């Protein structure tokens, strides 16, 4: 089960948790702190200390706090809300598109950065020019919540506004810039590191397995040979809780019971053993490639 608190982050729980809306696909929102907007190429300014921003989000700025504050120069993290709660990093108009909540998770990351910041005498114009320390760990943790490695509105490359249409926001999971979020007027972060490279596939000598299709794939009545292959693996793992051998390629209550048995076999409990596949348990099941 993915951990609601990033293991590498300092846990600074603000409380005031509120659930996200699992009826929408998982998302991440990329920000930068932008705390010294007056900096220019001709007149750069020193980056504020990480502790200052952490103090801001636990003090006067707690009403604007994201999930994660990330220092791309040192790889330090502070986390203010669990992944399962909304955070408060974007404006959310009452009765609008629920910008902070519209997803299984809506994980918001504030990178400690502003254009033309100066660190140890060196000036950085873009976030991607920084060392981006800790990005691999941050990306891996967010990916564990099934946030896909896509930018539905395009990867940010400039400080410009490009508002996402409300229907796309509701239906497309992935990464969004603050500049993309409906009901907001910000233009950050201007750039963002590339997604961490994943292996393109196993070597010919290794078995090939079905990649995790995402939790939203497993809807009642969904018919797919992937579900049939999963059925076979659950039976092979002695997790057969089916009451019928018919329609083995259609997701139903027998699949939920049998997959819950598999999750329990892995040692998962509570909500982590609810019968809905997650990435870790799916990878452990090793469903043969279709």
C-alpha atoms as a PDB file:
ATOM      1  CA  UNK A   1       0.000   0.000   0.000  1.00  0.00           C
ATOM      2  CA  UNK A   2       1.368   3.464  -0.780  1.00  0.00           C
ATOM      3  CA  UNK A   3       2.297   5.421   2.309  1.00  0.00           C
ATOM      4  CA  UNK A   4       0.289   8.593   2.983  1.00  0.00           C
ATOM      5  CA  UNK A   5       3.440  10.218   4.394  1.00  0.00           C
ATOM      6  CA  UNK A   6       6.486  10.385   2.132  1.00  0.00           C
ATOM      7  CA  UNK A   7       9.166   8.366   3.968  1.00  0.00           C
ATOM      8  CA  UNK A   8      11.945  10.855   3.131  1.00  0.00           C
ATOM      9  CA  UNK A   9       9.974  13.913   4.287  1.00  0.00           C
ATOM     10  CA  UNK A  10       9.923  15.592   7.664  1.00  0.00           C
ATOM     11  CA  UNK A  11       6.361  15.055   8.901  1.00  0.00           C
ATOM     12  CA  UNK A  12       4.854  18.401   9.926  1.00  0.00           C
ATOM     13  CA  UNK A  13       1.184  17.480  10.208  1.00  0.00           C
ATOM     14  CA  UNK A  14      -1.052  20.566  10.161  1.00  0.00           C
ATOM     15  CA  UNK A  15      -4.166  18.538  10.959  1.00  0.00           C
ATOM     16  CA  UNK A  16      -7.352  19.838   9.342  1.00  0.00           C
ATOM     17  CA  UNK A  17      -7.448  16.820   7.045  1.00  0.00           C
ATOM     18  CA  UNK A  18     -10.254  16.538   4.489  1.00  0.00           C
ATOM     19  CA  UNK A  19     -10.815  13.736   1.965  1.00  0.00           C
ATOM     20  CA  UNK A  20     -10.165  13.957  -1.727  1.00  0.00           C
ATOM     21  CA  UNK A  21     -12.799  12.771  -4.212  1.00  0.00           C
ATOM     22  CA  UNK A  22     -11.922   9.270  -5.481  1.00  0.00           C
ATOM     23  CA  UNK A  23     -14.456   9.607  -8.283  1.00  0.00           C
ATOM     24  CA  UNK A  24     -11.809  11.529 -10.210  1.00  0.00           C
ATOM     25  CA  UNK A  25      -8.403  10.281 -11.443  1.00  0.00           C
ATOM     26  CA  UNK A  26      -5.246  10.897  -9.364  1.00  0.00           C
ATOM     27  CA  UNK A  27      -3.310  14.115  -9.941  1.00  0.00           C
ATOM     28  CA  UNK A  28      -0.209  16.014  -8.882  1.00  0.00           C
ATOM     29  CA  UNK A  29       0.186  19.788  -9.048  1.00  0.00           C
ATOM     30  CA  UNK A  30       3.607  21.393  -9.510  1.00  0.00           C
ATOM     31  CA  UNK A  31       4.359  24.796  -7.958  1.00  0.00           C
ATOM     32  CA  UNK A  32       7.329  26.874  -6.971  1.00  0.00           C
ATOM     33  CA  UNK A  33       7.349  29.096  -3.910  1.00  0.00           C
ATOM     34  CA  UNK A  34       8.133  32.293  -5.864  1.00  0.00           C
ATOM     35  CA  UNK A  35       8.849  34.114  -2.634  1.00  0.00           C
ATOM     36  CA  UNK A  36      11.055  36.851  -4.159  1.00  0.00           C
ATOM     37  CA  UNK A  37       9.279  37.896  -7.328  1.00  0.00           C
ATOM     38  CA  UNK A  38      11.398  41.048  -7.669  1.00  0.00           C
ATOM     39  CA  UNK A  39      14.540  39.070  -8.585  1.00  0.00           C
ATOM     40  CA  UNK A  40      15.815  39.583 -12.144  1.00  0.00           C
ATOM     41  CA  UNK A  41      18.718  38.386 -14.249  1.00  0.00           C
ATOM     42  CA  UNK A  42      20.406  41.736 -13.641  1.00  0.00           C
ATOM     43  CA  UNK A  43      19.604  41.753  -9.923  1.00  0.00           C
ATOM     44  CA  UNK A  44      19.368  38.176  -8.575  1.00  0.00           C
ATOM     45  CA  UNK A  45      18.482  37.548  -4.943  1.00  0.00           C
ATOM     46  CA  UNK A  46      19.511  34.900  -2.442  1.00  0.00           C
ATOM     47  CA  UNK A  47      17.198  31.947  -2.006  1.00  0.00           C
ATOM     48  CA  UNK A  48      15.368  31.981   1.305  1.00  0.00           C
ATOM     49  CA  UNK A  49      16.268  29.165   3.727  1.00  0.00           C
ATOM     50  CA  UNK A  50      14.132  26.040   3.670  1.00  0.00           C
ATOM     51  CA  UNK A  51      13.291  26.585   7.356  1.00  0.00           C
ATOM     52  CA  UNK A  52      11.760  29.973   6.529  1.00  0.00           C
ATOM     53  CA  UNK A  53       9.276  28.461   4.090  1.00  0.00           C
ATOM     54  CA  UNK A  54       8.524  25.569   6.415  1.00  0.00           C
ATOM     55  CA  UNK A  55       7.801  28.118   9.131  1.00  0.00           C
ATOM     56  CA  UNK A  56       5.573  30.086   6.777  1.00  0.00           C
ATOM     57  CA  UNK A  57       3.442  27.054   5.910  1.00  0.00           C
ATOM     58  CA  UNK A  58       3.053  26.156   9.578  1.00  0.00           C
ATOM     59  CA  UNK A  59       2.302  29.767  10.535  1.00  0.00           C
ATOM     60  CA  UNK A  60       0.671  32.601   8.613  1.00  0.00           C
ATOM     61  CA  UNK A  61       0.694  30.593   5.386  1.00  0.00           C
ATOM     62  CA  UNK A  62      -0.961  27.435   6.696  1.00  0.00           C
ATOM     63  CA  UNK A  63      -4.059  28.301   4.663  1.00  0.00           C
ATOM     64  CA  UNK A  64      -1.911  27.995   1.514  1.00  0.00           C
ATOM     65  CA  UNK A  65       0.096  24.918   2.494  1.00  0.00           C
ATOM     66  CA  UNK A  66       0.746  22.177  -0.084  1.00  0.00           C
ATOM     67  CA  UNK A  67       1.378  18.537   0.704  1.00  0.00           C
ATOM     68  CA  UNK A  68       5.129  18.732   0.106  1.00  0.00           C
ATOM     69  CA  UNK A  69       7.720  21.489   0.358  1.00  0.00           C
ATOM     70  CA  UNK A  70      10.758  20.374  -1.664  1.00  0.00           C
ATOM     71  CA  UNK A  71      14.235  21.907  -1.670  1.00  0.00           C
ATOM     72  CA  UNK A  72      15.734  20.963  -5.071  1.00  0.00           C
ATOM     73  CA  UNK A  73      19.161  22.190  -3.940  1.00  0.00           C
ATOM     74  CA  UNK A  74      19.520  19.879  -0.936  1.00  0.00           C
ATOM     75  CA  UNK A  75      16.835  17.210  -1.417  1.00  0.00           C
ATOM     76  CA  UNK A  76      15.073  18.164   1.825  1.00  0.00           C
ATOM     77  CA  UNK A  77      11.311  17.667   2.169  1.00  0.00           C
ATOM     78  CA  UNK A  78       8.627  18.706   4.631  1.00  0.00           C
ATOM     79  CA  UNK A  79       5.092  17.298   4.413  1.00  0.00           C
ATOM     80  CA  UNK A  80       2.072  19.102   5.849  1.00  0.00           C
ATOM     81  CA  UNK A  81      -0.856  16.877   4.830  1.00  0.00           C
ATOM     82  CA  UNK A  82      -1.107  13.133   4.095  1.00  0.00           C
ATOM     83  CA  UNK A  83      -1.595  12.170   0.463  1.00  0.00           C
ATOM     84  CA  UNK A  84      -5.143  11.059   1.264  1.00  0.00           C
ATOM     85  CA  UNK A  85      -6.160  14.586   2.344  1.00  0.00           C
ATOM     86  CA  UNK A  86      -6.585  17.669   0.230  1.00  0.00           C
ATOM     87  CA  UNK A  87      -4.019  20.396   0.753  1.00  0.00           C
ATOM     88  CA  UNK A  88      -4.514  24.125   0.210  1.00  0.00           C
ATOM     89  CA  UNK A  89      -1.975  25.179  -2.406  1.00  0.00           C
ATOM     90  CA  UNK A  90      -4.451  26.316  -5.068  1.00  0.00           C
ATOM     91  CA  UNK A  91      -7.504  28.554  -4.965  1.00  0.00           C
ATOM     92  CA  UNK A  92     -10.725  26.537  -4.831  1.00  0.00           C
ATOM     93  CA  UNK A  93     -13.879  28.465  -5.635  1.00  0.00           C
ATOM     94  CA  UNK A  94     -16.971  27.426  -3.691  1.00  0.00           C
ATOM     95  CA  UNK A  95     -19.227  25.354  -5.929  1.00  0.00           C
ATOM     96  CA  UNK A  96     -16.542  25.180  -8.629  1.00  0.00           C
ATOM     97  CA  UNK A  97     -14.302  22.388  -9.903  1.00  0.00           C
ATOM     98  CA  UNK A  98     -12.880  21.370  -6.491  1.00  0.00           C
ATOM     99  CA  UNK A  99      -9.328  22.102  -7.526  1.00  0.00           C
ATOM    100  CA  UNK A 100      -7.789  20.803  -4.289  1.00  0.00           C
ATOM    101  CA  UNK A 101      -9.858  17.611  -4.192  1.00  0.00           C
ATOM    102  CA  UNK A 102     -10.795  16.341  -7.677  1.00  0.00           C
ATOM    103  CA  UNK A 103      -8.873  13.080  -7.642  1.00  0.00           C
ATOM    104  CA  UNK A 104      -8.157   9.907  -5.706  1.00  0.00           C
ATOM    105  CA  UNK A 105      -5.225  12.062  -4.610  1.00  0.00           C
ATOM    106  CA  UNK A 106      -4.334  15.626  -5.601  1.00  0.00           C
ATOM    107  CA  UNK A 107      -0.750  15.845  -4.363  1.00  0.00           C
ATOM    108  CA  UNK A 108       0.639  19.370  -4.423  1.00  0.00           C
ATOM    109  CA  UNK A 109       4.373  20.060  -4.430  1.00  0.00           C
ATOM    110  CA  UNK A 110       5.971  23.446  -3.783  1.00  0.00           C
ATOM    111  CA  UNK A 111       9.576  23.569  -4.976  1.00  0.00           C
ATOM    112  CA  UNK A 112      11.693  26.050  -3.012  1.00  0.00           C
ATOM    113  CA  UNK A 113      12.593  28.256  -5.970  1.00  0.00           C
ATOM    114  CA  UNK A 114      12.076  31.541  -7.765  1.00  0.00           C
ATOM    115  CA  UNK A 115      13.588  32.631 -11.092  1.00  0.00           C
ATOM    116  CA  UNK A 116      17.032  34.240 -10.751  1.00  0.00           C
ATOM    117  CA  UNK A 117      17.586  32.936  -7.247  1.00  0.00           C
ATOM    118  CA  UNK A 118      21.184  32.797  -6.039  1.00  0.00           C
ATOM    119  CA  UNK A 119      22.585  29.804  -4.145  1.00  0.00           C
ATOM    120  CA  UNK A 120      26.239  29.654  -3.123  1.00  0.00           C
ATOM    121  CA  UNK A 121      27.026  32.434  -5.553  1.00  0.00           C
ATOM    122  CA  UNK A 122      25.391  30.746  -8.569  1.00  0.00           C
ATOM    123  CA  UNK A 123      22.222  32.086 -10.187  1.00  0.00           C
ATOM    124  CA  UNK A 124      19.448  29.801 -11.432  1.00  0.00           C
ATOM    125  CA  UNK A 125      16.925  31.056 -13.975  1.00  0.00           C
ATOM    126  CA  UNK A 126      14.764  27.908 -14.157  1.00  0.00           C
ATOM    127  CA  UNK A 127      13.849  25.147 -11.765  1.00  0.00           C
ATOM    128  CA  UNK A 128      15.323  22.548 -14.114  1.00  0.00           C
ATOM    129  CA  UNK A 129      18.684  24.333 -13.876  1.00  0.00           C
ATOM    130  CA  UNK A 130      18.905  23.420 -10.177  1.00  0.00           C
ATOM    131  CA  UNK A 131      20.391  20.079  -9.049  1.00  0.00           C
ATOM    132  CA  UNK A 132      16.808  18.771  -8.541  1.00  0.00           C
ATOM    133  CA  UNK A 133      18.075  16.666  -5.645  1.00  0.00           C
ATOM    134  CA  UNK A 134      15.472  14.305  -4.275  1.00  0.00           C
ATOM    135  CA  UNK A 135      13.367  14.325  -7.438  1.00  0.00           C
ATOM    136  CA  UNK A 136      13.758  10.567  -7.942  1.00  0.00           C
ATOM    137  CA  UNK A 137      12.382   9.866  -4.464  1.00  0.00           C
ATOM    138  CA  UNK A 138       9.587  12.412  -4.801  1.00  0.00           C
ATOM    139  CA  UNK A 139       8.517  11.083  -8.184  1.00  0.00           C
ATOM    140  CA  UNK A 140       8.570   7.485  -6.952  1.00  0.00           C
ATOM    141  CA  UNK A 141       6.367   8.312  -3.970  1.00  0.00           C
ATOM    142  CA  UNK A 142       3.823  10.221  -6.067  1.00  0.00           C
ATOM    143  CA  UNK A 143       3.821   7.433  -8.673  1.00  0.00           C
ATOM    144  CA  UNK A 144       2.992   4.953  -5.902  1.00  0.00           C
ATOM    145  CA  UNK A 145      -0.383   6.732  -5.700  1.00  0.00           C
ATOM    146  CA  UNK A 146      -1.051   5.857  -9.360  1.00  0.00           C
ATOM    147  CA  UNK A 147      -0.489   9.389 -10.667  1.00  0.00           C
ATOM    148  CA  UNK A 148       0.437   8.727 -14.321  1.00  0.00           C
ATOM    149  CA  UNK A 149       3.557  10.214 -15.903  1.00  0.00           C
ATOM    150  CA  UNK A 150       1.684  12.528 -18.264  1.00  0.00           C
ATOM    151  CA  UNK A 151       1.043  16.268 -18.480  1.00  0.00           C
ATOM    152  CA  UNK A 152      -2.527  16.564 -19.869  1.00  0.00           C
ATOM    153  CA  UNK A 153      -1.879  20.264 -20.620  1.00  0.00           C
ATOM    154  CA  UNK A 154       1.735  19.779 -21.662  1.00  0.00           C
ATOM    155  CA  UNK A 155       4.905  19.901 -19.603  1.00  0.00           C
ATOM    156  CA  UNK A 156       5.508  23.490 -18.425  1.00  0.00           C
ATOM    157  CA  UNK A 157       8.265  25.257 -20.354  1.00  0.00           C
ATOM    158  CA  UNK A 158       7.565  28.934 -19.657  1.00  0.00           C
ATOM    159  CA  UNK A 159       5.971  31.234 -17.113  1.00  0.00           C
ATOM    160  CA  UNK A 160       2.658  31.528 -18.923  1.00  0.00           C
ATOM    161  CA  UNK A 161      -0.971  30.792 -18.154  1.00  0.00           C
ATOM    162  CA  UNK A 162      -2.710  27.854 -19.856  1.00  0.00           C
ATOM    163  CA  UNK A 163      -5.934  27.070 -18.000  1.00  0.00           C
ATOM    164  CA  UNK A 164      -7.165  23.505 -18.206  1.00  0.00           C
ATOM    165  CA  UNK A 165     -10.780  23.102 -19.379  1.00  0.00           C
ATOM    166  CA  UNK A 166     -13.000  21.909 -16.543  1.00  0.00           C
ATOM    167  CA  UNK A 167     -13.975  18.668 -18.317  1.00  0.00           C
ATOM    168  CA  UNK A 168     -10.334  17.702 -18.872  1.00  0.00           C
ATOM    169  CA  UNK A 169      -9.526  18.531 -15.252  1.00  0.00           C
ATOM    170  CA  UNK A 170     -12.279  16.199 -14.108  1.00  0.00           C
ATOM    171  CA  UNK A 171     -11.408  13.296 -16.413  1.00  0.00           C
ATOM    172  CA  UNK A 172      -7.625  13.279 -16.946  1.00  0.00           C
ATOM    173  CA  UNK A 173      -5.154  12.144 -14.331  1.00  0.00           C
ATOM    174  CA  UNK A 174      -1.500  13.103 -14.332  1.00  0.00           C
ATOM    175  CA  UNK A 175       0.665  16.123 -13.588  1.00  0.00           C
ATOM    176  CA  UNK A 176      -0.542  19.713 -13.854  1.00  0.00           C
ATOM    177  CA  UNK A 177       1.330  22.966 -13.412  1.00  0.00           C
ATOM    178  CA  UNK A 178      -0.166  25.586 -11.112  1.00  0.00           C
ATOM    179  CA  UNK A 179      -0.468  27.514 -14.390  1.00  0.00           C
ATOM    180  CA  UNK A 180      -2.954  24.882 -15.628  1.00  0.00           C
ATOM    181  CA  UNK A 181      -5.311  24.643 -12.654  1.00  0.00           C
ATOM    182  CA  UNK A 182      -8.856  25.984 -13.228  1.00  0.00           C
ATOM    183  CA  UNK A 183      -9.996  28.984 -11.130  1.00  0.00           C
ATOM    184  CA  UNK A 184      -6.385  30.069 -10.552  1.00  0.00           C
ATOM    185  CA  UNK A 185      -4.297  32.808 -12.205  1.00  0.00           C
ATOM    186  CA  UNK A 186      -0.694  31.757 -11.436  1.00  0.00           C
ATOM    187  CA  UNK A 187       1.936  31.043 -14.093  1.00  0.00           C
ATOM    188  CA  UNK A 188       4.360  28.835 -12.131  1.00  0.00           C
ATOM    189  CA  UNK A 189       6.442  26.688 -12.134  1.00  0.00           C
ATOM    190  CA  UNK A 190       7.741  27.499 -15.638  1.00  0.00           C
ATOM    191  CA  UNK A 191       9.675  24.207 -15.851  1.00  0.00           C
ATOM    192  CA  UNK A 192       9.780  20.861 -14.099  1.00  0.00           C
ATOM    193  CA  UNK A 193      12.231  17.940 -14.152  1.00  0.00           C
ATOM    194  CA  UNK A 194      11.681  15.044 -16.502  1.00  0.00           C
ATOM    195  CA  UNK A 195      10.014  11.959 -15.131  1.00  0.00           C
ATOM    196  CA  UNK A 196      12.460   9.405 -13.824  1.00  0.00           C
ATOM    197  CA  UNK A 197      13.280   6.878 -16.509  1.00  0.00           C
ATOM    198  CA  UNK A 198      11.738   3.472 -16.052  1.00  0.00           C
ATOM    199  CA  UNK A 199      13.044   0.254 -17.612  1.00  0.00           C
ATOM    200  CA  UNK A 200      11.578  -0.161 -21.095  1.00  0.00           C
ATOM    201  CA  UNK A 201      10.935  -3.857 -20.502  1.00  0.00           C
ATOM    202  CA  UNK A 202      12.458  -7.086 -19.248  1.00  0.00           C
ATOM    203  CA  UNK A 203      15.279  -8.800 -21.053  1.00  0.00           C
ATOM    204  CA  UNK A 204      14.304 -11.684 -23.357  1.00  0.00           C
ATOM    205  CA  UNK A 205      15.354 -14.178 -20.670  1.00  0.00           C
ATOM    206  CA  UNK A 206      12.925 -12.727 -18.127  1.00  0.00           C
ATOM    207  CA  UNK A 207       9.185 -13.401 -17.952  1.00  0.00           C
ATOM    208  CA  UNK A 208       6.941 -10.584 -19.125  1.00  0.00           C
ATOM    209  CA  UNK A 209       4.023  -9.393 -17.046  1.00  0.00           C
ATOM    210  CA  UNK A 210       1.057  -7.103 -17.539  1.00  0.00           C
ATOM    211  CA  UNK A 211       1.770  -3.559 -16.313  1.00  0.00           C
ATOM    212  CA  UNK A 212      -0.578  -2.180 -13.684  1.00  0.00           C
ATOM    213  CA  UNK A 213      -3.542  -0.661 -15.604  1.00  0.00           C
ATOM    214  CA  UNK A 214      -4.564   1.688 -12.771  1.00  0.00           C
ATOM    215  CA  UNK A 215      -7.156   1.191 -10.064  1.00  0.00           C
ATOM    216  CA  UNK A 216      -9.868   2.882 -12.151  1.00  0.00           C
ATOM    217  CA  UNK A 217      -9.576   0.028 -14.690  1.00  0.00           C
ATOM    218  CA  UNK A 218     -11.277  -2.344 -12.263  1.00  0.00           C
ATOM    219  CA  UNK A 219     -14.916  -1.329 -12.604  1.00  0.00           C
ATOM    220  CA  UNK A 220     -17.875  -3.675 -12.239  1.00  0.00           C
ATOM    221  CA  UNK A 221     -18.676  -5.254 -15.603  1.00  0.00           C
ATOM    222  CA  UNK A 222     -15.295  -4.426 -17.189  1.00  0.00           C
ATOM    223  CA  UNK A 223     -14.417  -7.170 -19.674  1.00  0.00           C
ATOM    224  CA  UNK A 224     -10.785  -7.720 -20.575  1.00  0.00           C
ATOM    225  CA  UNK A 225      -8.349 -10.597 -21.157  1.00  0.00           C
ATOM    226  CA  UNK A 226      -6.183  -8.907 -18.509  1.00  0.00           C
ATOM    227  CA  UNK A 227      -8.867  -9.706 -15.924  1.00  0.00           C
ATOM    228  CA  UNK A 228      -8.974 -13.291 -17.172  1.00  0.00           C
ATOM    229  CA  UNK A 229      -5.207 -13.610 -16.771  1.00  0.00           C
ATOM    230  CA  UNK A 230      -5.447 -12.111 -13.290  1.00  0.00           C
ATOM    231  CA  UNK A 231      -8.172 -14.633 -12.432  1.00  0.00           C
ATOM    232  CA  UNK A 232      -5.819 -17.471 -13.354  1.00  0.00           C
ATOM    233  CA  UNK A 233      -3.015 -16.094 -11.178  1.00  0.00           C
ATOM    234  CA  UNK A 234      -5.313 -15.648  -8.168  1.00  0.00           C
ATOM    235  CA  UNK A 235      -6.439 -19.262  -8.469  1.00  0.00           C
ATOM    236  CA  UNK A 236      -2.793 -20.375  -8.786  1.00  0.00           C
ATOM    237  CA  UNK A 237      -1.943 -18.432  -5.613  1.00  0.00           C
ATOM    238  CA  UNK A 238      -4.691 -20.260  -3.675  1.00  0.00           C
ATOM    239  CA  UNK A 239      -6.763 -17.070  -3.469  1.00  0.00           C
ATOM    240  CA  UNK A 240      -9.777 -18.504  -5.261  1.00  0.00           C
ATOM    241  CA  UNK A 241     -12.862 -16.962  -3.680  1.00  0.00           C
ATOM    242  CA  UNK A 242     -14.963 -17.254  -6.831  1.00  0.00           C
ATOM    243  CA  UNK A 243     -18.415 -18.851  -6.745  1.00  0.00           C
ATOM    244  CA  UNK A 244     -18.617 -19.390 -10.513  1.00  0.00           C
ATOM    245  CA  UNK A 245     -16.249 -20.332 -13.306  1.00  0.00           C
ATOM    246  CA  UNK A 246     -18.182 -18.278 -15.857  1.00  0.00           C
ATOM    247  CA  UNK A 247     -17.161 -14.912 -17.302  1.00  0.00           C
ATOM    248  CA  UNK A 248     -13.641 -15.121 -15.875  1.00  0.00           C
ATOM    249  CA  UNK A 249     -12.654 -12.081 -17.955  1.00  0.00           C
ATOM    250  CA  UNK A 250     -15.322  -9.793 -16.424  1.00  0.00           C
ATOM    251  CA  UNK A 251     -14.602  -7.886 -13.206  1.00  0.00           C
ATOM    252  CA  UNK A 252     -17.129  -8.714 -10.512  1.00  0.00           C
ATOM    253  CA  UNK A 253     -17.657  -9.472  -6.836  1.00  0.00           C
ATOM    254  CA  UNK A 254     -15.703 -12.731  -7.050  1.00  0.00           C
ATOM    255  CA  UNK A 255     -12.686 -10.831  -8.288  1.00  0.00           C
ATOM    256  CA  UNK A 256     -12.975  -8.389  -5.385  1.00  0.00           C
ATOM    257  CA  UNK A 257     -13.114 -11.232  -2.842  1.00  0.00           C
ATOM    258  CA  UNK A 258     -10.264 -13.134  -4.464  1.00  0.00           C
ATOM    259  CA  UNK A 259      -8.037 -10.096  -4.872  1.00  0.00           C
ATOM    260  CA  UNK A 260      -8.679  -9.150  -1.228  1.00  0.00           C
ATOM    261  CA  UNK A 261      -7.479 -12.637  -0.298  1.00  0.00           C
ATOM    262  CA  UNK A 262      -4.289 -11.979  -2.299  1.00  0.00           C
ATOM    263  CA  UNK A 263      -3.762  -8.639  -0.557  1.00  0.00           C
ATOM    264  CA  UNK A 264      -4.219 -10.332   2.808  1.00  0.00           C
ATOM    265  CA  UNK A 265      -1.730 -13.030   1.771  1.00  0.00           C
ATOM    266  CA  UNK A 266       0.781 -10.214   1.221  1.00  0.00           C
ATOM    267  CA  UNK A 267       0.163  -9.043   4.778  1.00  0.00           C
ATOM    268  CA  UNK A 268      -2.035  -6.058   3.916  1.00  0.00           C
ATOM    269  CA  UNK A 269      -4.949  -5.120   6.166  1.00  0.00           C
ATOM    270  CA  UNK A 270      -7.824  -2.644   6.406  1.00  0.00           C
ATOM    271  CA  UNK A 271      -8.301  -0.354   3.416  1.00  0.00           C
ATOM    272  CA  UNK A 272      -5.145  -1.801   1.863  1.00  0.00           C
ATOM    273  CA  UNK A 273      -6.975  -5.137   1.497  1.00  0.00           C
ATOM    274  CA  UNK A 274     -10.208  -3.866  -0.022  1.00  0.00           C
ATOM    275  CA  UNK A 275     -10.041  -6.062  -3.126  1.00  0.00           C
ATOM    276  CA  UNK A 276      -9.125  -3.216  -5.513  1.00  0.00           C
ATOM    277  CA  UNK A 277      -5.725  -3.803  -7.131  1.00  0.00           C
ATOM    278  CA  UNK A 278      -2.916  -1.369  -6.369  1.00  0.00           C
ATOM    279  CA  UNK A 279       0.408  -1.132  -8.135  1.00  0.00           C
ATOM    280  CA  UNK A 280       2.502  -2.967  -5.536  1.00  0.00           C
ATOM    281  CA  UNK A 281       0.136  -5.916  -5.061  1.00  0.00           C
ATOM    282  CA  UNK A 282      -0.420  -6.144  -8.831  1.00  0.00           C
ATOM    283  CA  UNK A 283       3.298  -6.286  -9.558  1.00  0.00           C
ATOM    284  CA  UNK A 284       3.687  -8.999  -6.932  1.00  0.00           C
ATOM    285  CA  UNK A 285       0.920 -11.057  -8.555  1.00  0.00           C
ATOM    286  CA  UNK A 286       2.878 -11.233 -11.860  1.00  0.00           C
ATOM    287  CA  UNK A 287      -0.040 -11.426 -14.255  1.00  0.00           C
ATOM    288  CA  UNK A 288       1.253 -12.833 -17.566  1.00  0.00           C
ATOM    289  CA  UNK A 289       1.415 -10.383 -20.455  1.00  0.00           C
ATOM    290  CA  UNK A 290      -1.522 -10.621 -22.836  1.00  0.00           C
END
